[in-house]
PDB file of N, CA and C in Angstrom:
ATOM      1  N   MET A   1      23.112 -10.025 -23.709  1.00  0.00           N
ATOM      2  CA  MET A   1      23.870  -8.909 -24.176  1.00  0.00           C
ATOM      3  C   MET A   1      24.790  -9.395 -25.366  1.00  0.00           C
ATOM      4  N   ASN A   2      25.003  -8.465 -26.314  1.00  0.00           N
ATOM      5  CA  ASN A   2      25.820  -8.779 -27.345  1.00  0.00           C
ATOM      6  C   ASN A   2      27.275  -8.555 -26.931  1.00  0.00           C
ATOM      7  N   TYR A   3      28.198  -8.852 -27.850  1.00  0.00           N
ATOM      8  CA  TYR A   3      29.716  -8.777 -27.316  1.00  0.00           C
ATOM      9  C   TYR A   3      30.140  -7.362 -27.140  1.00  0.00           C
ATOM     10  N   PHE A   4      29.574  -6.441 -27.899  1.00  0.00           N
ATOM     11  CA  PHE A   4      29.936  -5.078 -27.672  1.00  0.00           C
ATOM     12  C   PHE A   4      29.510  -4.479 -26.314  1.00  0.00           C
ATOM     13  N   GLN A   5      28.053  -4.714 -25.907  1.00  0.00           N
ATOM     14  CA  GLN A   5      27.619  -4.462 -24.546  1.00  0.00           C
ATOM     15  C   GLN A   5      28.384  -5.077 -23.403  1.00  0.00           C
ATOM     16  N   HIS A   6      28.646  -6.343 -23.693  1.00  0.00           N
ATOM     17  CA  HIS A   6      29.390  -7.151 -22.639  1.00  0.00           C
ATOM     18  C   HIS A   6      30.856  -6.587 -22.405  1.00  0.00           C
ATOM     19  N   SER A   7      31.458  -6.136 -23.425  1.00  0.00           N
ATOM     20  CA  SER A   7      32.865  -5.658 -23.350  1.00  0.00           C
ATOM     21  C   SER A   7      32.919  -4.293 -22.620  1.00  0.00           C
ATOM     22  N   ILE A   8      31.951  -3.482 -22.681  1.00  0.00           N
ATOM     23  CA  ILE A   8      31.930  -2.252 -22.152  1.00  0.00           C
ATOM     24  C   ILE A   8      31.310  -2.299 -20.839  1.00  0.00           C
ATOM     25  N   TYR A   9      30.259  -2.989 -20.577  1.00  0.00           N
ATOM     26  CA  TYR A   9      29.596  -3.081 -19.231  1.00  0.00           C
ATOM     27  C   TYR A   9      30.407  -3.881 -18.166  1.00  0.00           C
ATOM     28  N   LYS A  10      31.187  -3.043 -17.405  1.00  0.00           N
ATOM     29  CA  LYS A  10      31.981  -3.636 -16.184  1.00  0.00           C
ATOM     30  C   LYS A  10      31.540  -3.149 -14.938  1.00  0.00           C
ATOM     31  N   LEU A  11      31.336  -4.128 -13.957  1.00  0.00           N
ATOM     32  CA  LEU A  11      30.869  -3.635 -12.551  1.00  0.00           C
ATOM     33  C   LEU A  11      32.087  -3.221 -11.931  1.00  0.00           C
ATOM     34  N   THR A  12      31.934  -2.021 -11.197  1.00  0.00           N
ATOM     35  CA  THR A  12      33.020  -1.543 -10.342  1.00  0.00           C
ATOM     36  C   THR A  12      32.775  -2.082  -8.948  1.00  0.00           C
ATOM     37  N   ASN A  13      33.813  -2.026  -8.114  1.00  0.00           N
ATOM     38  CA  ASN A  13      33.599  -2.581  -6.669  1.00  0.00           C
ATOM     39  C   ASN A  13      32.438  -1.822  -5.969  1.00  0.00           C
ATOM     40  N   SER A  14      32.199  -0.522  -6.072  1.00  0.00           N
ATOM     41  CA  SER A  14      31.160   0.249  -5.453  1.00  0.00           C
ATOM     42  C   SER A  14      29.777  -0.167  -5.777  1.00  0.00           C
ATOM     43  N   TYR A  15      29.602  -0.507  -7.189  1.00  0.00           N
ATOM     44  CA  TYR A  15      28.202  -1.022  -7.594  1.00  0.00           C
ATOM     45  C   TYR A  15      28.006  -2.422  -7.187  1.00  0.00           C
ATOM     46  N   LYS A  16      29.167  -3.296  -7.122  1.00  0.00           N
ATOM     47  CA  LYS A  16      28.980  -4.687  -6.554  1.00  0.00           C
ATOM     48  C   LYS A  16      28.391  -4.700  -5.116  1.00  0.00           C
ATOM     49  N   ASN A  17      29.046  -3.671  -4.372  1.00  0.00           N
ATOM     50  CA  ASN A  17      28.642  -3.466  -2.870  1.00  0.00           C
ATOM     51  C   ASN A  17      27.050  -3.067  -2.859  1.00  0.00           C
ATOM     52  N   ILE A  18      26.711  -2.227  -3.840  1.00  0.00           N
ATOM     53  CA  ILE A  18      25.204  -1.821  -3.759  1.00  0.00           C
ATOM     54  C   ILE A  18      24.354  -2.985  -4.222  1.00  0.00           C
ATOM     55  N   VAL A  19      24.835  -3.814  -5.168  1.00  0.00           N
ATOM     56  CA  VAL A  19      23.940  -5.025  -5.570  1.00  0.00           C
ATOM     57  C   VAL A  19      24.018  -5.917  -4.437  1.00  0.00           C
ATOM     58  N   LEU A  20      25.052  -6.108  -3.706  1.00  0.00           N
ATOM     59  CA  LEU A  20      24.912  -7.045  -2.521  1.00  0.00           C
ATOM     60  C   LEU A  20      24.174  -6.473  -1.413  1.00  0.00           C
ATOM     61  N   PHE A  21      24.035  -5.220  -1.133  1.00  0.00           N
ATOM     62  CA  PHE A  21      23.159  -4.558  -0.275  1.00  0.00           C
ATOM     63  C   PHE A  21      21.827  -4.812  -0.556  1.00  0.00           C
ATOM     64  N   GLU A  22      21.398  -4.662  -1.939  1.00  0.00           N
ATOM     65  CA  GLU A  22      20.038  -4.869  -2.365  1.00  0.00           C
ATOM     66  C   GLU A  22      19.605  -6.225  -2.162  1.00  0.00           C
ATOM     67  N   LEU A  23      20.446  -7.220  -2.524  1.00  0.00           N
ATOM     68  CA  LEU A  23      20.276  -8.654  -2.254  1.00  0.00           C
ATOM     69  C   LEU A  23      19.947  -9.024  -0.973  1.00  0.00           C
ATOM     70  N   PHE A  24      20.783  -8.390   0.067  1.00  0.00           N
ATOM     71  CA  PHE A  24      20.737  -8.517   1.504  1.00  0.00           C
ATOM     72  C   PHE A  24      19.238  -8.029   1.984  1.00  0.00           C
ATOM     73  N   CYS A  25      18.841  -6.713   1.452  1.00  0.00           N
ATOM     74  CA  CYS A  25      17.597  -6.296   1.859  1.00  0.00           C
ATOM     75  C   CYS A  25      16.467  -7.298   1.344  1.00  0.00           C
ATOM     76  N   LEU A  26      16.583  -7.747   0.087  1.00  0.00           N
ATOM     77  CA  LEU A  26      15.644  -8.624  -0.420  1.00  0.00           C
ATOM     78  C   LEU A  26      15.486  -9.769   0.425  1.00  0.00           C
ATOM     79  N   PHE A  27      16.657 -10.436   0.744  1.00  0.00           N
ATOM     80  CA  PHE A  27      16.653 -11.604   1.522  1.00  0.00           C
ATOM     81  C   PHE A  27      16.073 -11.407   2.903  1.00  0.00           C
ATOM     82  N   ARG A  28      16.276 -10.202   3.583  1.00  0.00           N
ATOM     83  CA  ARG A  28      15.754  -9.893   4.921  1.00  0.00           C
ATOM     84  C   ARG A  28      14.290  -9.669   4.711  1.00  0.00           C
ATOM     85  N   TYR A  29      13.882  -8.962   3.776  1.00  0.00           N
ATOM     86  CA  TYR A  29      12.198  -8.773   3.485  1.00  0.00           C
ATOM     87  C   TYR A  29      11.664 -10.299   3.425  1.00  0.00           C
ATOM     88  N   ARG A  30      12.255 -11.127   2.578  1.00  0.00           N
ATOM     89  CA  ARG A  30      11.633 -12.391   2.240  1.00  0.00           C
ATOM     90  C   ARG A  30      11.669 -13.188   3.597  1.00  0.00           C
ATOM     91  N   SER A  31      12.782 -13.231   4.316  1.00  0.00           N
ATOM     92  CA  SER A  31      12.831 -13.989   5.435  1.00  0.00           C
ATOM     93  C   SER A  31      11.985 -13.510   6.564  1.00  0.00           C
ATOM     94  N   HIS A  32      11.693 -12.218   6.562  1.00  0.00           N
ATOM     95  CA  HIS A  32      10.885 -11.766   7.760  1.00  0.00           C
ATOM     96  C   HIS A  32       9.364 -11.563   7.315  1.00  0.00           C
ATOM     97  N   VAL A  33       9.154 -10.779   6.449  1.00  0.00           N
ATOM     98  CA  VAL A  33       7.689 -10.421   6.339  1.00  0.00           C
ATOM     99  C   VAL A  33       6.904 -11.526   5.519  1.00  0.00           C
ATOM    100  N   VAL A  34       7.651 -12.272   4.592  1.00  0.00           N
ATOM    101  CA  VAL A  34       6.805 -13.230   3.973  1.00  0.00           C
ATOM    102  C   VAL A  34       6.724 -14.514   4.887  1.00  0.00           C
ATOM    103  N   SER A  35       7.817 -14.828   5.350  1.00  0.00           N
ATOM    104  CA  SER A  35       7.833 -15.963   6.408  1.00  0.00           C
ATOM    105  C   SER A  35       7.333 -15.879   7.826  1.00  0.00           C
ATOM    106  N   CYS A  36       7.290 -14.655   8.349  1.00  0.00           N
ATOM    107  CA  CYS A  36       6.982 -14.379   9.717  1.00  0.00           C
ATOM    108  C   CYS A  36       5.456 -14.383   9.897  1.00  0.00           C
ATOM    109  N   SER A  37       4.961 -15.310  10.733  1.00  0.00           N
ATOM    110  CA  SER A  37       3.381 -15.416  10.819  1.00  0.00           C
ATOM    111  C   SER A  37       2.654 -14.285  11.274  1.00  0.00           C
ATOM    112  N   SER A  38       3.324 -13.632  12.312  1.00  0.00           N
ATOM    113  CA  SER A  38       2.719 -12.373  12.778  1.00  0.00           C
ATOM    114  C   SER A  38       2.661 -11.156  11.645  1.00  0.00           C
ATOM    115  N   CYS A  39       3.853 -11.038  10.942  1.00  0.00           N
ATOM    116  CA  CYS A  39       3.756  -9.982   9.882  1.00  0.00           C
ATOM    117  C   CYS A  39       2.791 -10.493   8.856  1.00  0.00           C
ATOM    118  N   ASN A  40       2.629 -11.640   8.473  1.00  0.00           N
ATOM    119  CA  ASN A  40       1.616 -12.197   7.615  1.00  0.00           C
ATOM    120  C   ASN A  40       0.315 -11.825   7.921  1.00  0.00           C
ATOM    121  N   VAL A  41      -0.032 -12.151   9.232  1.00  0.00           N
ATOM    122  CA  VAL A  41      -1.300 -11.954   9.760  1.00  0.00           C
ATOM    123  C   VAL A  41      -1.547 -10.354   9.753  1.00  0.00           C
ATOM    124  N   ALA A  42      -0.649  -9.690  10.064  1.00  0.00           N
ATOM    125  CA  ALA A  42      -0.947  -8.213  10.207  1.00  0.00           C
ATOM    126  C   ALA A  42      -1.042  -7.629   8.781  1.00  0.00           C
ATOM    127  N   TYR A  43      -0.349  -8.073   7.835  1.00  0.00           N
ATOM    128  CA  TYR A  43      -0.516  -7.728   6.458  1.00  0.00           C
ATOM    129  C   TYR A  43      -1.919  -7.961   5.866  1.00  0.00           C
ATOM    130  N   LYS A  44      -2.370  -9.196   6.126  1.00  0.00           N
ATOM    131  CA  LYS A  44      -3.644  -9.642   5.524  1.00  0.00           C
ATOM    132  C   LYS A  44      -4.695  -8.854   6.479  1.00  0.00           C
ATOM    133  N   GLY A  45      -4.611  -8.592   7.471  1.00  0.00           N
ATOM    134  CA  GLY A  45      -5.675  -7.749   8.451  1.00  0.00           C
ATOM    135  C   GLY A  45      -5.649  -6.312   7.909  1.00  0.00           C
ATOM    136  N   PHE A  46      -4.462  -5.768   7.653  1.00  0.00           N
ATOM    137  CA  PHE A  46      -4.420  -4.362   7.013  1.00  0.00           C
ATOM    138  C   PHE A  46      -5.020  -4.240   5.729  1.00  0.00           C
ATOM    139  N   LYS A  47      -4.743  -5.278   4.854  1.00  0.00           N
ATOM    140  CA  LYS A  47      -5.469  -5.305   3.508  1.00  0.00           C
ATOM    141  C   LYS A  47      -6.987  -5.453   3.668  1.00  0.00           C
ATOM    142  N   THR A  48      -7.405  -6.339   4.692  1.00  0.00           N
ATOM    143  CA  THR A  48      -8.910  -6.517   4.706  1.00  0.00           C
ATOM    144  C   THR A  48      -9.474  -5.144   5.193  1.00  0.00           C
ATOM    145  N   LEU A  49      -8.909  -4.505   6.081  1.00  0.00           N
ATOM    146  CA  LEU A  49      -9.340  -3.325   6.568  1.00  0.00           C
ATOM    147  C   LEU A  49      -9.247  -2.246   5.598  1.00  0.00           C
ATOM    148  N   HIS A  50      -8.179  -2.192   4.691  1.00  0.00           N
ATOM    149  CA  HIS A  50      -8.187  -1.187   3.568  1.00  0.00           C
ATOM    150  C   HIS A  50      -9.381  -1.455   2.603  1.00  0.00           C
ATOM    151  N   ILE A  51      -9.679  -2.721   2.190  1.00  0.00           N
ATOM    152  CA  ILE A  51     -10.760  -3.036   1.283  1.00  0.00           C
ATOM    153  C   ILE A  51     -12.077  -2.651   1.968  1.00  0.00           C
ATOM    154  N   SER A  52     -12.422  -2.958   3.143  1.00  0.00           N
ATOM    155  CA  SER A  52     -13.541  -2.644   3.895  1.00  0.00           C
ATOM    156  C   SER A  52     -13.708  -1.169   4.010  1.00  0.00           C
ATOM    157  N   LEU A  53     -12.763  -0.403   4.184  1.00  0.00           N
ATOM    158  CA  LEU A  53     -12.909   1.020   4.225  1.00  0.00           C
ATOM    159  C   LEU A  53     -13.337   1.601   2.944  1.00  0.00           C
ATOM    160  N   GLN A  54     -12.838   1.020   1.743  1.00  0.00           N
ATOM    161  CA  GLN A  54     -13.207   1.488   0.418  1.00  0.00           C
ATOM    162  C   GLN A  54     -14.515   1.107   0.117  1.00  0.00           C
ATOM    163  N   VAL A  55     -14.934  -0.139   0.360  1.00  0.00           N
ATOM    164  CA  VAL A  55     -16.379  -0.609   0.267  1.00  0.00           C
ATOM    165  C   VAL A  55     -17.390   0.264   1.058  1.00  0.00           C
ATOM    166  N   PHE A  56     -16.958   0.615   2.192  1.00  0.00           N
ATOM    167  CA  PHE A  56     -17.936   1.440   3.018  1.00  0.00           C
ATOM    168  C   PHE A  56     -18.135   2.798   2.540  1.00  0.00           C
ATOM    169  N   SER A  57     -17.019   3.293   2.143  1.00  0.00           N
ATOM    170  CA  SER A  57     -17.043   4.781   1.581  1.00  0.00           C
ATOM    171  C   SER A  57     -17.925   4.751   0.392  1.00  0.00           C
ATOM    172  N   ILE A  58     -17.676   3.759  -0.579  1.00  0.00           N
ATOM    173  CA  ILE A  58     -18.345   3.819  -1.819  1.00  0.00           C
ATOM    174  C   ILE A  58     -19.921   3.378  -1.534  1.00  0.00           C
ATOM    175  N   THR A  59     -20.167   2.507  -0.669  1.00  0.00           N
ATOM    176  CA  THR A  59     -21.495   2.249  -0.339  1.00  0.00           C
ATOM    177  C   THR A  59     -22.281   3.429   0.307  1.00  0.00           C
ATOM    178  N   SER A  60     -21.520   4.113   1.153  1.00  0.00           N
ATOM    179  CA  SER A  60     -22.173   5.242   1.853  1.00  0.00           C
ATOM    180  C   SER A  60     -22.442   6.293   0.682  1.00  0.00           C
ATOM    181  N   VAL A  61     -21.746   6.666  -0.254  1.00  0.00           N
ATOM    182  CA  VAL A  61     -22.060   7.514  -1.290  1.00  0.00           C
ATOM    183  C   VAL A  61     -23.229   6.992  -2.206  1.00  0.00           C
ATOM    184  N   ALA A  62     -23.225   5.762  -2.348  1.00  0.00           N
ATOM    185  CA  ALA A  62     -24.393   5.233  -3.267  1.00  0.00           C
ATOM    186  C   ALA A  62     -25.697   5.319  -2.508  1.00  0.00           C
ATOM    187  N   ILE A  63     -25.661   5.032  -1.032  1.00  0.00           N
ATOM    188  CA  ILE A  63     -26.832   5.149  -0.308  1.00  0.00           C
ATOM    189  C   ILE A  63     -27.268   6.594  -0.203  1.00  0.00           C
ATOM    190  N   MET A  64     -26.458   7.518  -0.286  1.00  0.00           N
ATOM    191  CA  MET A  64     -26.860   8.999  -0.271  1.00  0.00           C
ATOM    192  C   MET A  64     -27.401   9.418  -1.602  1.00  0.00           C
ATOM    193  N   ALA A  65     -26.780   8.809  -2.719  1.00  0.00           N
ATOM    194  CA  ALA A  65     -27.361   8.950  -3.967  1.00  0.00           C
ATOM    195  C   ALA A  65     -28.638   8.499  -4.262  1.00  0.00           C
ATOM    196  N   ALA A  66     -28.873   7.342  -3.740  1.00  0.00           N
ATOM    197  CA  ALA A  66     -30.153   6.582  -4.007  1.00  0.00           C
ATOM    198  C   ALA A  66     -31.227   7.091  -3.195  1.00  0.00           C
ATOM    199  N   THR A  67     -31.223   7.598  -2.055  1.00  0.00           N
ATOM    200  CA  THR A  67     -32.339   8.073  -1.169  1.00  0.00           C
ATOM    201  C   THR A  67     -32.722   9.398  -1.643  1.00  0.00           C
ATOM    202  N   LYS A  68     -33.913   9.572  -1.394  1.00  0.00           N
ATOM    203  CA  LYS A  68     -34.688  10.846  -1.702  1.00  0.00           C
ATOM    204  C   LYS A  68     -34.347  11.781  -0.770  1.00  0.00           C
ATOM    205  N   HIS A  69     -34.715  13.030  -1.023  1.00  0.00           N
ATOM    206  CA  HIS A  69     -34.169  14.176  -0.136  1.00  0.00           C
ATOM    207  C   HIS A  69     -34.825  13.856   1.251  1.00  0.00           C
ATOM    208  N   GLY A  70     -36.110  13.625   1.317  1.00  0.00           N
ATOM    209  CA  GLY A  70     -36.918  13.536   2.569  1.00  0.00           C
ATOM    210  C   GLY A  70     -36.846  12.348   3.303  1.00  0.00           C
ATOM    211  N   MET A  71     -36.134  11.240   2.819  1.00  0.00           N
ATOM    212  CA  MET A  71     -35.996   9.989   3.386  1.00  0.00           C
ATOM    213  C   MET A  71     -35.134  10.003   4.695  1.00  0.00           C
ATOM    214  N   ILE A  72     -34.038  10.802   4.681  1.00  0.00           N
ATOM    215  CA  ILE A  72     -33.179  10.811   5.781  1.00  0.00           C
ATOM    216  C   ILE A  72     -32.953  12.311   6.182  1.00  0.00           C
ATOM    217  N   SER A  73     -32.591  12.710   7.332  1.00  0.00           N
ATOM    218  CA  SER A  73     -32.527  13.953   7.769  1.00  0.00           C
ATOM    219  C   SER A  73     -31.310  14.629   7.101  1.00  0.00           C
ATOM    220  N   THR A  74     -31.036  15.915   7.138  1.00  0.00           N
ATOM    221  CA  THR A  74     -29.879  16.610   6.529  1.00  0.00           C
ATOM    222  C   THR A  74     -28.812  16.276   7.471  1.00  0.00           C
ATOM    223  N   VAL A  75     -28.983  16.123   8.731  1.00  0.00           N
ATOM    224  CA  VAL A  75     -27.847  15.869   9.652  1.00  0.00           C
ATOM    225  C   VAL A  75     -27.316  14.507   9.432  1.00  0.00           C
ATOM    226  N   ALA A  76     -28.253  13.498   9.210  1.00  0.00           N
ATOM    227  CA  ALA A  76     -27.807  12.210   8.956  1.00  0.00           C
ATOM    228  C   ALA A  76     -27.103  12.062   7.618  1.00  0.00           C
ATOM    229  N   ARG A  77     -27.641  12.898   6.632  1.00  0.00           N
ATOM    230  CA  ARG A  77     -26.934  12.866   5.413  1.00  0.00           C
ATOM    231  C   ARG A  77     -25.514  13.476   5.361  1.00  0.00           C
ATOM    232  N   ASN A  78     -25.382  14.501   6.030  1.00  0.00           N
ATOM    233  CA  ASN A  78     -24.030  15.189   6.203  1.00  0.00           C
ATOM    234  C   ASN A  78     -23.158  14.274   7.122  1.00  0.00           C
ATOM    235  N   THR A  79     -23.614  13.631   8.035  1.00  0.00           N
ATOM    236  CA  THR A  79     -22.747  12.736   8.878  1.00  0.00           C
ATOM    237  C   THR A  79     -22.379  11.591   8.003  1.00  0.00           C
ATOM    238  N   LEU A  80     -23.315  10.995   7.196  1.00  0.00           N
ATOM    239  CA  LEU A  80     -22.803   9.892   6.308  1.00  0.00           C
ATOM    240  C   LEU A  80     -21.686  10.410   5.205  1.00  0.00           C
ATOM    241  N   ALA A  81     -21.837  11.516   4.749  1.00  0.00           N
ATOM    242  CA  ALA A  81     -20.963  12.259   3.852  1.00  0.00           C
ATOM    243  C   ALA A  81     -19.623  12.269   4.510  1.00  0.00           C
ATOM    244  N   ALA A  82     -19.672  12.807   5.727  1.00  0.00           N
ATOM    245  CA  ALA A  82     -18.375  13.080   6.484  1.00  0.00           C
ATOM    246  C   ALA A  82     -17.664  11.567   6.798  1.00  0.00           C
ATOM    247  N   VAL A  83     -18.437  10.730   7.302  1.00  0.00           N
ATOM    248  CA  VAL A  83     -18.015   9.308   7.603  1.00  0.00           C
ATOM    249  C   VAL A  83     -17.369   8.776   6.290  1.00  0.00           C
ATOM    250  N   ALA A  84     -18.060   8.898   5.055  1.00  0.00           N
ATOM    251  CA  ALA A  84     -17.556   8.303   3.731  1.00  0.00           C
ATOM    252  C   ALA A  84     -16.102   8.895   3.489  1.00  0.00           C
ATOM    253  N   ILE A  85     -15.981  10.409   3.578  1.00  0.00           N
ATOM    254  CA  ILE A  85     -14.791  10.994   3.267  1.00  0.00           C
ATOM    255  C   ILE A  85     -13.640  10.530   4.066  1.00  0.00           C
ATOM    256  N   LEU A  86     -13.967  10.423   5.523  1.00  0.00           N
ATOM    257  CA  LEU A  86     -12.969   9.954   6.453  1.00  0.00           C
ATOM    258  C   LEU A  86     -12.564   8.513   6.189  1.00  0.00           C
ATOM    259  N   CYS A  87     -13.447   7.730   5.827  1.00  0.00           N
ATOM    260  CA  CYS A  87     -13.125   6.185   5.488  1.00  0.00           C
ATOM    261  C   CYS A  87     -12.276   6.268   4.139  1.00  0.00           C
ATOM    262  N   PHE A  88     -12.632   7.137   3.291  1.00  0.00           N
ATOM    263  CA  PHE A  88     -11.876   7.083   2.025  1.00  0.00           C
ATOM    264  C   PHE A  88     -10.386   7.621   2.284  1.00  0.00           C
ATOM    265  N   LEU A  89     -10.139   8.586   3.223  1.00  0.00           N
ATOM    266  CA  LEU A  89      -8.961   9.245   3.434  1.00  0.00           C
ATOM    267  C   LEU A  89      -8.141   8.079   4.178  1.00  0.00           C
ATOM    268  N   GLY A  90      -8.898   7.500   5.249  1.00  0.00           N
ATOM    269  CA  GLY A  90      -8.293   6.457   5.986  1.00  0.00           C
ATOM    270  C   GLY A  90      -7.714   5.313   5.112  1.00  0.00           C
ATOM    271  N   SER A  91      -8.532   4.961   4.201  1.00  0.00           N
ATOM    272  CA  SER A  91      -8.101   3.889   3.172  1.00  0.00           C
ATOM    273  C   SER A  91      -6.883   4.339   2.337  1.00  0.00           C
ATOM    274  N   LYS A  92      -6.796   5.585   2.018  1.00  0.00           N
ATOM    275  CA  LYS A  92      -5.612   6.031   1.276  1.00  0.00           C
ATOM    276  C   LYS A  92      -4.421   5.985   2.085  1.00  0.00           C
ATOM    277  N   TRP A  93      -4.522   6.553   3.481  1.00  0.00           N
ATOM    278  CA  TRP A  93      -3.457   6.367   4.236  1.00  0.00           C
ATOM    279  C   TRP A  93      -3.011   5.030   4.694  1.00  0.00           C
ATOM    280  N   LEU A  94      -3.895   4.125   4.782  1.00  0.00           N
ATOM    281  CA  LEU A  94      -3.582   2.850   5.063  1.00  0.00           C
ATOM    282  C   LEU A  94      -2.984   2.106   3.875  1.00  0.00           C
ATOM    283  N   SER A  95      -3.369   2.449   2.655  1.00  0.00           N
ATOM    284  CA  SER A  95      -2.607   2.020   1.419  1.00  0.00           C
ATOM    285  C   SER A  95      -1.221   2.373   1.434  1.00  0.00           C
ATOM    286  N   HIS A  96      -0.889   3.631   1.809  1.00  0.00           N
ATOM    287  CA  HIS A  96       0.380   4.129   1.843  1.00  0.00           C
ATOM    288  C   HIS A  96       1.213   3.341   2.811  1.00  0.00           C
ATOM    289  N   PHE A  97       0.641   3.278   4.154  1.00  0.00           N
ATOM    290  CA  PHE A  97       1.234   2.516   5.307  1.00  0.00           C
ATOM    291  C   PHE A  97       1.722   1.112   4.965  1.00  0.00           C
ATOM    292  N   ILE A  98       0.807   0.485   4.272  1.00  0.00           N
ATOM    293  CA  ILE A  98       0.996  -1.019   3.897  1.00  0.00           C
ATOM    294  C   ILE A  98       2.159  -1.153   2.842  1.00  0.00           C
ATOM    295  N   TYR A  99       1.968  -0.280   1.855  1.00  0.00           N
ATOM    296  CA  TYR A  99       3.207  -0.185   0.919  1.00  0.00           C
ATOM    297  C   TYR A  99       4.515   0.239   1.481  1.00  0.00           C
ATOM    298  N   LYS A 100       4.521   1.082   2.388  1.00  0.00           N
ATOM    299  CA  LYS A 100       5.846   1.561   2.916  1.00  0.00           C
ATOM    300  C   LYS A 100       6.336   0.455   3.863  1.00  0.00           C
ATOM    301  N   ASN A 101       5.514  -0.217   4.725  1.00  0.00           N
ATOM    302  CA  ASN A 101       6.029  -1.084   5.680  1.00  0.00           C
ATOM    303  C   ASN A 101       6.027  -2.569   5.268  1.00  0.00           C
ATOM    304  N   PHE A 102       5.285  -3.105   4.428  1.00  0.00           N
ATOM    305  CA  PHE A 102       5.261  -4.469   4.081  1.00  0.00           C
ATOM    306  C   PHE A 102       5.504  -4.741   2.665  1.00  0.00           C
ATOM    307  N   HIS A 103       5.940  -3.871   1.737  1.00  0.00           N
ATOM    308  CA  HIS A 103       6.361  -4.172   0.544  1.00  0.00           C
ATOM    309  C   HIS A 103       7.976  -3.908   0.421  1.00  0.00           C
ATOM    310  N   PHE A 104       8.579  -4.717  -0.427  1.00  0.00           N
ATOM    311  CA  PHE A 104       9.985  -4.485  -0.541  1.00  0.00           C
ATOM    312  C   PHE A 104      10.334  -3.258  -1.375  1.00  0.00           C
ATOM    313  N   HIS A 105      11.238  -2.457  -1.028  1.00  0.00           N
ATOM    314  CA  HIS A 105      11.614  -1.208  -1.734  1.00  0.00           C
ATOM    315  C   HIS A 105      13.032  -1.382  -2.137  1.00  0.00           C
ATOM    316  N   ASP A 106      13.406  -1.288  -3.402  1.00  0.00           N
ATOM    317  CA  ASP A 106      14.755  -1.292  -3.885  1.00  0.00           C
ATOM    318  C   ASP A 106      15.418  -0.003  -3.407  1.00  0.00           C
ATOM    319  N   TYR A 107      16.574   0.239  -3.413  1.00  0.00           N
ATOM    320  CA  TYR A 107      17.367   1.436  -2.908  1.00  0.00           C
ATOM    321  C   TYR A 107      16.756   2.549  -3.691  1.00  0.00           C
ATOM    322  N   ASN A 108      16.168   3.548  -3.002  1.00  0.00           N
ATOM    323  CA  ASN A 108      15.551   4.766  -3.688  1.00  0.00           C
ATOM    324  C   ASN A 108      15.877   5.943  -2.728  1.00  0.00           C
ATOM    325  N   HIS A 109      16.345   7.041  -3.301  1.00  0.00           N
ATOM    326  CA  HIS A 109      16.679   8.232  -2.476  1.00  0.00           C
ATOM    327  C   HIS A 109      15.371   8.875  -2.001  1.00  0.00           C
ATOM    328  N   ALA A 110      14.275   8.656  -2.716  1.00  0.00           N
ATOM    329  CA  ALA A 110      12.992   9.250  -2.210  1.00  0.00           C
ATOM    330  C   ALA A 110      12.531   8.857  -0.930  1.00  0.00           C
ATOM    331  N   PHE A 111      12.746   7.615  -0.374  1.00  0.00           N
ATOM    332  CA  PHE A 111      12.303   7.305   0.841  1.00  0.00           C
ATOM    333  C   PHE A 111      13.119   7.702   2.080  1.00  0.00           C
TER     334      PHE A 111
END
């Protein structure tokens, strides 16, 4: 910062408390989620499940697109489409769950 910005930018006590709270939350996140073996295993497992759901949904759509109309029955095709949609929606929900529970969030009024 230049001299002008430094002379105007003053921290108030209330802002200092917010900064300390954010540092506390970051320390708590680092000490638990990153260092805890159970949380680390759960995080890796959820990420693996998230990727496998995405791969399965994309593969299902590719199989439906690649097969000719008479190769699989209409019931099997519709079931495969429904499973692909459910896997995609499950993947999106799991992505939100991982972000909300395993990633650090700064102070935000939206949460």
